[in-house]
Amino acid sequence: MRLLYACLLLLLCASAAAQVQTAYPTGPVQEPAEGAYPLDKKIREYANGLSLTTRNSPEDLEEALARKMAAYTKTKAKSLRKGLLVYEAVIFPEITANALNYYARTSVNERGDGRTTFTLFLSPGNDNFLESSRFPKEMQQAAAVLKRIDRDATLLALERGIAAAQAELDARTRELLALDTELQALQKEHDKLQQALQANQAAMTQNQGARQQVIARQAADTAALAQLRTLLEEARRQP
């Protein structure tokens, strides 16, 4: 039974580890690729940008970008449509000392593999967008920022997963403590019942002994009574 329990525990642990690895993948971040990517028909249908594919969710990527932007500006992102944000006129020292508009586009792959395409567009305005042929340093640094945002999104997912796992573990711990308390109460009740059972058994044994004694005395009394009746009959028959 102990061996079966140990095997079951190992299987559960292995399954949980596999689920964690699948839900929160770690490893090297994909290198961003520069090219013409879909932006928005109202601005420009395709624009030069930097893009990578990741297993992080759009929500975590947008949150990681927002936290990084918050270090340099109080400007909040404008939502142009679902999956497309813009931070306008932001000085982002990690990329350039000049104010730029930063467009961030996230889209979940249609193949249903759980991956997200994350694209960053850098614009000085007037629907112009930076490219490596004219701004090699800025685009190189933007690629590094894009990788850091993806890494930060992974950290956000892991931190959220850790918090959820800790809450689940705390709940299991409280449940176990409650079961332990219940078990102690049941054990005390069991001990009381065991003592009562032992006392009952002793009383039954005593009762059986007393009963045998009464039966023996009853037999003796019956025999004595029969003898007295015999004597009575004999006495009556005498002249």
C-alpha atoms as a PDB file:
ATOM      1  CA  MET A   1       0.000   0.000   0.000  1.00  0.00           C
ATOM      2  CA  ARG A   2       2.847   2.385   0.845  1.00  0.00           C
ATOM      3  CA  LEU A   3       4.569   1.572  -2.450  1.00  0.00           C
ATOM      4  CA  LEU A   4       1.330   2.252  -4.350  1.00  0.00           C
ATOM      5  CA  TYR A   5       0.900   5.564  -2.537  1.00  0.00           C
ATOM      6  CA  ALA A   6       4.502   6.569  -3.315  1.00  0.00           C
ATOM      7  CA  CYS A   7       4.063   5.730  -7.014  1.00  0.00           C
ATOM      8  CA  LEU A   8       0.823   7.715  -7.171  1.00  0.00           C
ATOM      9  CA  LEU A   9       2.515  10.693  -5.491  1.00  0.00           C
ATOM     10  CA  LEU A  10       5.400  10.568  -7.985  1.00  0.00           C
ATOM     11  CA  LEU A  11       2.966  10.463 -10.909  1.00  0.00           C
ATOM     12  CA  LEU A  12       1.026  13.436  -9.553  1.00  0.00           C
ATOM     13  CA  CYS A  13       4.213  15.444  -9.036  1.00  0.00           C
ATOM     14  CA  ALA A  14       5.469  14.605 -12.542  1.00  0.00           C
ATOM     15  CA  SER A  15       2.109  15.579 -14.046  1.00  0.00           C
ATOM     16  CA  ALA A  16       2.078  18.884 -12.146  1.00  0.00           C
ATOM     17  CA  ALA A  17       5.643  19.647 -13.264  1.00  0.00           C
ATOM     18  CA  ALA A  18       4.728  18.950 -16.893  1.00  0.00           C
ATOM     19  CA  GLN A  19       1.686  21.215 -16.660  1.00  0.00           C
ATOM     20  CA  VAL A  20       3.802  24.031 -15.199  1.00  0.00           C
ATOM     21  CA  GLN A  21       6.403  23.651 -17.931  1.00  0.00           C
ATOM     22  CA  THR A  22       3.699  23.809 -20.595  1.00  0.00           C
ATOM     23  CA  ALA A  23       1.850  26.756 -19.052  1.00  0.00           C
ATOM     24  CA  TYR A  24       4.963  28.777 -18.222  1.00  0.00           C
ATOM     25  CA  PRO A  25       7.627  28.028 -20.850  1.00  0.00           C
ATOM     26  CA  THR A  26      11.104  29.368 -20.247  1.00  0.00           C
ATOM     27  CA  GLY A  27      14.165  29.476 -22.431  1.00  0.00           C
ATOM     28  CA  PRO A  28      15.820  31.811 -24.913  1.00  0.00           C
ATOM     29  CA  VAL A  29      13.704  34.623 -26.324  1.00  0.00           C
ATOM     30  CA  GLN A  30      13.209  34.637 -30.089  1.00  0.00           C
ATOM     31  CA  GLU A  31      15.196  37.235 -31.990  1.00  0.00           C
ATOM     32  CA  PRO A  32      12.916  39.975 -33.366  1.00  0.00           C
ATOM     33  CA  ALA A  33      12.711  40.198 -37.136  1.00  0.00           C
ATOM     34  CA  GLU A  34      12.448  43.488 -38.995  1.00  0.00           C
ATOM     35  CA  GLY A  35      10.076  43.846 -41.893  1.00  0.00           C
ATOM     36  CA  ALA A  36       6.807  45.231 -43.195  1.00  0.00           C
ATOM     37  CA  TYR A  37       3.998  44.103 -40.892  1.00  0.00           C
ATOM     38  CA  PRO A  38       0.239  44.788 -40.757  1.00  0.00           C
ATOM     39  CA  LEU A  39      -0.520  47.928 -38.774  1.00  0.00           C
ATOM     40  CA  ASP A  40      -3.884  49.608 -39.365  1.00  0.00           C
ATOM     41  CA  LYS A  41      -5.661  50.751 -42.507  1.00  0.00           C
ATOM     42  CA  LYS A  42      -6.461  54.143 -40.961  1.00  0.00           C
ATOM     43  CA  ILE A  43      -2.764  54.796 -40.373  1.00  0.00           C
ATOM     44  CA  ARG A  44      -0.914  52.589 -42.814  1.00  0.00           C
ATOM     45  CA  GLU A  45      -1.902  49.097 -43.805  1.00  0.00           C
ATOM     46  CA  TYR A  46       1.693  47.861 -43.605  1.00  0.00           C
ATOM     47  CA  ALA A  47       4.608  49.547 -41.860  1.00  0.00           C
ATOM     48  CA  ASN A  48       8.187  48.730 -41.012  1.00  0.00           C
ATOM     49  CA  GLY A  49       8.572  47.283 -37.537  1.00  0.00           C
ATOM     50  CA  LEU A  50      10.108  44.625 -35.347  1.00  0.00           C
ATOM     51  CA  SER A  51       8.214  41.428 -34.612  1.00  0.00           C
ATOM     52  CA  LEU A  52       8.619  38.215 -32.680  1.00  0.00           C
ATOM     53  CA  THR A  53       6.438  35.223 -31.881  1.00  0.00           C
ATOM     54  CA  THR A  54       6.091  34.197 -28.264  1.00  0.00           C
ATOM     55  CA  ARG A  55       4.041  31.949 -26.025  1.00  0.00           C
ATOM     56  CA  ASN A  56       3.201  34.869 -23.746  1.00  0.00           C
ATOM     57  CA  SER A  57      -0.367  36.165 -23.828  1.00  0.00           C
ATOM     58  CA  PRO A  58      -1.304  39.532 -25.382  1.00  0.00           C
ATOM     59  CA  GLU A  59      -2.421  40.725 -21.938  1.00  0.00           C
ATOM     60  CA  ASP A  60       0.952  39.954 -20.328  1.00  0.00           C
ATOM     61  CA  LEU A  61       2.862  41.546 -23.222  1.00  0.00           C
ATOM     62  CA  GLU A  62       0.787  44.719 -23.014  1.00  0.00           C
ATOM     63  CA  GLU A  63       1.199  44.829 -19.234  1.00  0.00           C
ATOM     64  CA  ALA A  64       4.982  44.375 -19.523  1.00  0.00           C
ATOM     65  CA  LEU A  65       5.139  47.168 -22.110  1.00  0.00           C
ATOM     66  CA  ALA A  66       3.011  49.439 -19.908  1.00  0.00           C
ATOM     67  CA  ARG A  67       5.314  48.894 -16.926  1.00  0.00           C
ATOM     68  CA  LYS A  68       8.384  49.664 -19.007  1.00  0.00           C
ATOM     69  CA  MET A  69       6.779  52.804 -20.445  1.00  0.00           C
ATOM     70  CA  ALA A  70       5.721  53.915 -16.963  1.00  0.00           C
ATOM     71  CA  ALA A  71       9.398  54.235 -16.023  1.00  0.00           C
ATOM     72  CA  TYR A  72       9.805  57.083 -18.530  1.00  0.00           C
ATOM     73  CA  THR A  73       6.424  58.708 -19.064  1.00  0.00           C
ATOM     74  CA  LYS A  74       3.055  59.311 -17.459  1.00  0.00           C
ATOM     75  CA  THR A  75       1.430  59.012 -20.856  1.00  0.00           C
ATOM     76  CA  LYS A  76      -1.053  56.154 -21.010  1.00  0.00           C
ATOM     77  CA  ALA A  77      -1.514  53.986 -24.038  1.00  0.00           C
ATOM     78  CA  LYS A  78      -4.330  54.769 -26.446  1.00  0.00           C
ATOM     79  CA  SER A  79      -6.251  51.779 -27.687  1.00  0.00           C
ATOM     80  CA  LEU A  80      -6.775  52.166 -31.416  1.00  0.00           C
ATOM     81  CA  ARG A  81      -8.544  48.829 -31.629  1.00  0.00           C
ATOM     82  CA  LYS A  82      -8.292  45.395 -30.055  1.00  0.00           C
ATOM     83  CA  GLY A  83      -4.671  44.344 -30.112  1.00  0.00           C
ATOM     84  CA  LEU A  84      -3.278  47.739 -31.198  1.00  0.00           C
ATOM     85  CA  LEU A  85      -1.976  50.352 -28.757  1.00  0.00           C
ATOM     86  CA  VAL A  86      -0.005  53.544 -29.231  1.00  0.00           C
ATOM     87  CA  TYR A  87       2.126  55.573 -26.822  1.00  0.00           C
ATOM     88  CA  GLU A  88       2.406  59.024 -28.311  1.00  0.00           C
ATOM     89  CA  ALA A  89       5.363  61.416 -28.075  1.00  0.00           C
ATOM     90  CA  VAL A  90       7.328  59.328 -25.607  1.00  0.00           C
ATOM     91  CA  ILE A  91      11.027  59.781 -24.908  1.00  0.00           C
ATOM     92  CA  PHE A  92      12.273  56.232 -24.375  1.00  0.00           C
ATOM     93  CA  PRO A  93      15.987  56.495 -23.441  1.00  0.00           C
ATOM     94  CA  GLU A  94      16.594  52.779 -23.947  1.00  0.00           C
ATOM     95  CA  ILE A  95      15.985  53.381 -27.661  1.00  0.00           C
ATOM     96  CA  THR A  96      16.499  57.070 -28.391  1.00  0.00           C
ATOM     97  CA  ALA A  97      16.509  60.496 -26.772  1.00  0.00           C
ATOM     98  CA  ASN A  98      13.989  61.710 -29.339  1.00  0.00           C
ATOM     99  CA  ALA A  99      10.250  61.591 -28.792  1.00  0.00           C
ATOM    100  CA  LEU A 100       8.571  58.897 -30.861  1.00  0.00           C
ATOM    101  CA  ASN A 101       5.173  57.301 -31.210  1.00  0.00           C
ATOM    102  CA  TYR A 102       5.328  53.633 -30.243  1.00  0.00           C
ATOM    103  CA  TYR A 103       2.715  51.348 -31.770  1.00  0.00           C
ATOM    104  CA  ALA A 104       2.362  47.882 -30.242  1.00  0.00           C
ATOM    105  CA  ARG A 105       0.369  45.223 -32.038  1.00  0.00           C
ATOM    106  CA  THR A 106      -0.496  41.827 -30.566  1.00  0.00           C
ATOM    107  CA  SER A 107      -2.332  39.059 -32.361  1.00  0.00           C
ATOM    108  CA  VAL A 108      -2.958  35.451 -31.418  1.00  0.00           C
ATOM    109  CA  ASN A 109      -1.899  33.044 -34.137  1.00  0.00           C
ATOM    110  CA  GLU A 110      -4.806  31.629 -36.100  1.00  0.00           C
ATOM    111  CA  ARG A 111      -3.222  28.165 -36.042  1.00  0.00           C
ATOM    112  CA  GLY A 112      -4.363  27.810 -32.448  1.00  0.00           C
ATOM    113  CA  ASP A 113      -0.901  26.917 -31.134  1.00  0.00           C
ATOM    114  CA  GLY A 114      -1.212  29.363 -28.243  1.00  0.00           C
ATOM    115  CA  ARG A 115       1.438  31.693 -29.626  1.00  0.00           C
ATOM    116  CA  THR A 116       1.219  35.473 -29.943  1.00  0.00           C
ATOM    117  CA  THR A 117       2.819  37.705 -32.534  1.00  0.00           C
ATOM    118  CA  PHE A 118       4.119  40.878 -30.895  1.00  0.00           C
ATOM    119  CA  THR A 119       5.127  43.746 -33.181  1.00  0.00           C
ATOM    120  CA  LEU A 120       6.589  47.133 -32.286  1.00  0.00           C
ATOM    121  CA  PHE A 121       6.483  50.095 -34.680  1.00  0.00           C
ATOM    122  CA  LEU A 122       8.506  53.280 -34.080  1.00  0.00           C
ATOM    123  CA  SER A 123       7.229  56.467 -35.691  1.00  0.00           C
ATOM    124  CA  PRO A 124       8.535  60.058 -35.523  1.00  0.00           C
ATOM    125  CA  GLY A 125       5.118  61.142 -36.839  1.00  0.00           C
ATOM    126  CA  ASN A 126       3.442  61.878 -40.154  1.00  0.00           C
ATOM    127  CA  ASP A 127       2.969  58.133 -40.724  1.00  0.00           C
ATOM    128  CA  ASN A 128       6.713  57.619 -41.091  1.00  0.00           C
ATOM    129  CA  PHE A 129       8.355  54.621 -39.427  1.00  0.00           C
ATOM    130  CA  LEU A 130      11.941  53.928 -38.469  1.00  0.00           C
ATOM    131  CA  GLU A 131      13.929  51.297 -40.329  1.00  0.00           C
ATOM    132  CA  SER A 132      17.466  49.954 -39.985  1.00  0.00           C
ATOM    133  CA  SER A 133      18.740  51.433 -43.225  1.00  0.00           C
ATOM    134  CA  ARG A 134      18.374  54.939 -41.781  1.00  0.00           C
ATOM    135  CA  PHE A 135      18.264  54.345 -38.027  1.00  0.00           C
ATOM    136  CA  PRO A 136      20.408  51.247 -37.360  1.00  0.00           C
ATOM    137  CA  LYS A 137      21.230  52.085 -33.737  1.00  0.00           C
ATOM    138  CA  GLU A 138      17.655  52.877 -32.770  1.00  0.00           C
ATOM    139  CA  MET A 139      16.287  49.719 -34.429  1.00  0.00           C
ATOM    140  CA  GLN A 140      18.971  47.564 -32.819  1.00  0.00           C
ATOM    141  CA  GLN A 141      18.133  48.955 -29.404  1.00  0.00           C
ATOM    142  CA  ALA A 142      14.415  48.614 -30.087  1.00  0.00           C
ATOM    143  CA  ALA A 143      14.960  44.923 -30.867  1.00  0.00           C
ATOM    144  CA  ALA A 144      16.697  44.502 -27.504  1.00  0.00           C
ATOM    145  CA  VAL A 145      13.792  46.271 -25.769  1.00  0.00           C
ATOM    146  CA  LEU A 146      11.300  44.007 -27.538  1.00  0.00           C
ATOM    147  CA  LYS A 147      13.145  40.950 -26.208  1.00  0.00           C
ATOM    148  CA  ARG A 148      13.181  42.394 -22.697  1.00  0.00           C
ATOM    149  CA  ILE A 149       9.436  43.063 -22.864  1.00  0.00           C
ATOM    150  CA  ASP A 150       8.855  39.449 -23.867  1.00  0.00           C
ATOM    151  CA  ARG A 151      11.048  38.277 -20.993  1.00  0.00           C
ATOM    152  CA  ASP A 152       9.212  40.587 -18.570  1.00  0.00           C
ATOM    153  CA  ALA A 153       5.887  39.170 -19.785  1.00  0.00           C
ATOM    154  CA  THR A 154       7.165  35.686 -18.988  1.00  0.00           C
ATOM    155  CA  LEU A 155       8.120  36.873 -15.491  1.00  0.00           C
ATOM    156  CA  LEU A 156       4.634  38.348 -15.013  1.00  0.00           C
ATOM    157  CA  ALA A 157       3.029  35.056 -15.975  1.00  0.00           C
ATOM    158  CA  LEU A 158       5.339  33.139 -13.650  1.00  0.00           C
ATOM    159  CA  GLU A 159       4.739  35.525 -10.749  1.00  0.00           C
ATOM    160  CA  ARG A 160       0.978  35.229 -11.249  1.00  0.00           C
ATOM    161  CA  GLY A 161       1.291  31.451 -11.489  1.00  0.00           C
ATOM    162  CA  ILE A 162       3.385  31.335  -8.305  1.00  0.00           C
ATOM    163  CA  ALA A 163       0.815  33.450  -6.458  1.00  0.00           C
ATOM    164  CA  ALA A 164      -1.997  31.174  -7.630  1.00  0.00           C
ATOM    165  CA  ALA A 165      -0.017  28.036  -6.748  1.00  0.00           C
ATOM    166  CA  GLN A 166       0.820  29.454  -3.315  1.00  0.00           C
ATOM    167  CA  ALA A 167      -2.838  30.263  -2.693  1.00  0.00           C
ATOM    168  CA  GLU A 168      -3.759  26.721  -3.733  1.00  0.00           C
ATOM    169  CA  LEU A 169      -1.063  25.297  -1.472  1.00  0.00           C
ATOM    170  CA  ASP A 170      -2.250  27.436   1.446  1.00  0.00           C
ATOM    171  CA  ALA A 171      -5.798  26.206   0.859  1.00  0.00           C
ATOM    172  CA  ARG A 172      -4.605  22.577   0.847  1.00  0.00           C
ATOM    173  CA  THR A 173      -2.614  23.243   4.039  1.00  0.00           C
ATOM    174  CA  ARG A 174      -5.699  24.670   5.765  1.00  0.00           C
ATOM    175  CA  GLU A 175      -7.744  21.725   4.523  1.00  0.00           C
ATOM    176  CA  LEU A 176      -5.131  19.303   5.870  1.00  0.00           C
ATOM    177  CA  LEU A 177      -5.069  21.049   9.253  1.00  0.00           C
ATOM    178  CA  ALA A 178      -8.864  20.833   9.427  1.00  0.00           C
ATOM    179  CA  LEU A 179      -8.711  17.119   8.580  1.00  0.00           C
ATOM    180  CA  ASP A 180      -6.005  16.587  11.201  1.00  0.00           C
ATOM    181  CA  THR A 181      -8.154  18.324  13.808  1.00  0.00           C
ATOM    182  CA  GLU A 182     -11.121  16.192  12.803  1.00  0.00           C
ATOM    183  CA  LEU A 183      -8.975  13.060  12.930  1.00  0.00           C
ATOM    184  CA  GLN A 184      -7.815  13.901  16.466  1.00  0.00           C
ATOM    185  CA  ALA A 185     -11.425  14.364  17.575  1.00  0.00           C
ATOM    186  CA  LEU A 186     -12.398  11.083  15.922  1.00  0.00           C
ATOM    187  CA  GLN A 187      -9.453   9.343  17.584  1.00  0.00           C
ATOM    188  CA  LYS A 188     -10.540  10.637  21.000  1.00  0.00           C
ATOM    189  CA  GLU A 189     -14.086   9.475  20.322  1.00  0.00           C
ATOM    190  CA  HIS A 190     -12.704   6.128  19.171  1.00  0.00           C
ATOM    191  CA  ASP A 191     -10.677   5.798  22.375  1.00  0.00           C
ATOM    192  CA  LYS A 192     -13.751   6.621  24.465  1.00  0.00           C
ATOM    193  CA  LEU A 193     -15.793   4.078  22.551  1.00  0.00           C
ATOM    194  CA  GLN A 194     -12.991   1.536  22.937  1.00  0.00           C
ATOM    195  CA  GLN A 195     -12.891   2.130  26.677  1.00  0.00           C
ATOM    196  CA  ALA A 196     -16.670   1.879  26.843  1.00  0.00           C
ATOM    197  CA  LEU A 197     -16.536  -1.317  24.811  1.00  0.00           C
ATOM    198  CA  GLN A 198     -13.924  -2.768  27.155  1.00  0.00           C
ATOM    199  CA  ALA A 199     -16.021  -1.759  30.175  1.00  0.00           C
ATOM    200  CA  ASN A 200     -19.076  -3.255  28.511  1.00  0.00           C
ATOM    201  CA  GLN A 201     -17.185  -6.475  27.835  1.00  0.00           C
ATOM    202  CA  ALA A 202     -16.070  -6.638  31.464  1.00  0.00           C
ATOM    203  CA  ALA A 203     -19.641  -6.015  32.628  1.00  0.00           C
ATOM    204  CA  MET A 204     -20.906  -8.757  30.302  1.00  0.00           C
ATOM    205  CA  THR A 205     -18.304 -11.177  31.658  1.00  0.00           C
ATOM    206  CA  GLN A 206     -19.263 -10.273  35.202  1.00  0.00           C
ATOM    207  CA  ASN A 207     -22.928 -10.651  34.319  1.00  0.00           C
ATOM    208  CA  GLN A 208     -22.293 -14.102  32.848  1.00  0.00           C
ATOM    209  CA  GLY A 209     -20.461 -15.187  35.996  1.00  0.00           C
ATOM    210  CA  ALA A 210     -23.215 -13.894  38.252  1.00  0.00           C
ATOM    211  CA  ARG A 211     -25.813 -15.545  36.051  1.00  0.00           C
ATOM    212  CA  GLN A 212     -24.090 -18.925  36.301  1.00  0.00           C
ATOM    213  CA  GLN A 213     -23.985 -18.594  40.053  1.00  0.00           C
ATOM    214  CA  VAL A 214     -27.702 -17.765  40.179  1.00  0.00           C
ATOM    215  CA  ILE A 215     -28.463 -20.705  37.863  1.00  0.00           C
ATOM    216  CA  ALA A 216     -26.475 -22.997  40.158  1.00  0.00           C
ATOM    217  CA  ARG A 217     -28.276 -21.706  43.242  1.00  0.00           C
ATOM    218  CA  GLN A 218     -31.586 -22.006  41.415  1.00  0.00           C
ATOM    219  CA  ALA A 219     -30.826 -25.648  40.617  1.00  0.00           C
ATOM    220  CA  ALA A 220     -29.878 -26.291  44.245  1.00  0.00           C
ATOM    221  CA  ASP A 221     -33.042 -24.583  45.457  1.00  0.00           C
ATOM    222  CA  THR A 222     -35.115 -26.611  42.979  1.00  0.00           C
ATOM    223  CA  ALA A 223     -33.541 -29.831  44.213  1.00  0.00           C
ATOM    224  CA  ALA A 224     -34.082 -28.842  47.844  1.00  0.00           C
ATOM    225  CA  LEU A 225     -37.682 -27.945  47.135  1.00  0.00           C
ATOM    226  CA  ALA A 226     -38.282 -31.284  45.434  1.00  0.00           C
ATOM    227  CA  GLN A 227     -36.760 -33.119  48.390  1.00  0.00           C
ATOM    228  CA  LEU A 228     -38.946 -31.227  50.842  1.00  0.00           C
ATOM    229  CA  ARG A 229     -42.047 -32.083  48.819  1.00  0.00           C
ATOM    230  CA  THR A 230     -41.051 -35.722  48.832  1.00  0.00           C
ATOM    231  CA  LEU A 231     -40.632 -35.661  52.599  1.00  0.00           C
ATOM    232  CA  LEU A 232     -43.998 -33.941  52.921  1.00  0.00           C
ATOM    233  CA  GLU A 233     -45.717 -36.647  50.893  1.00  0.00           C
ATOM    234  CA  GLU A 234     -44.043 -39.385  52.905  1.00  0.00           C
ATOM    235  CA  ALA A 235     -45.093 -37.734  56.135  1.00  0.00           C
ATOM    236  CA  ARG A 236     -48.685 -37.567  55.009  1.00  0.00           C
ATOM    237  CA  ARG A 237     -48.771 -41.249  54.156  1.00  0.00           C
ATOM    238  CA  GLN A 238     -47.670 -42.320  57.586  1.00  0.00           C
ATOM    239  CA  PRO A 239     -50.537 -43.576  59.883  1.00  0.00           C
END
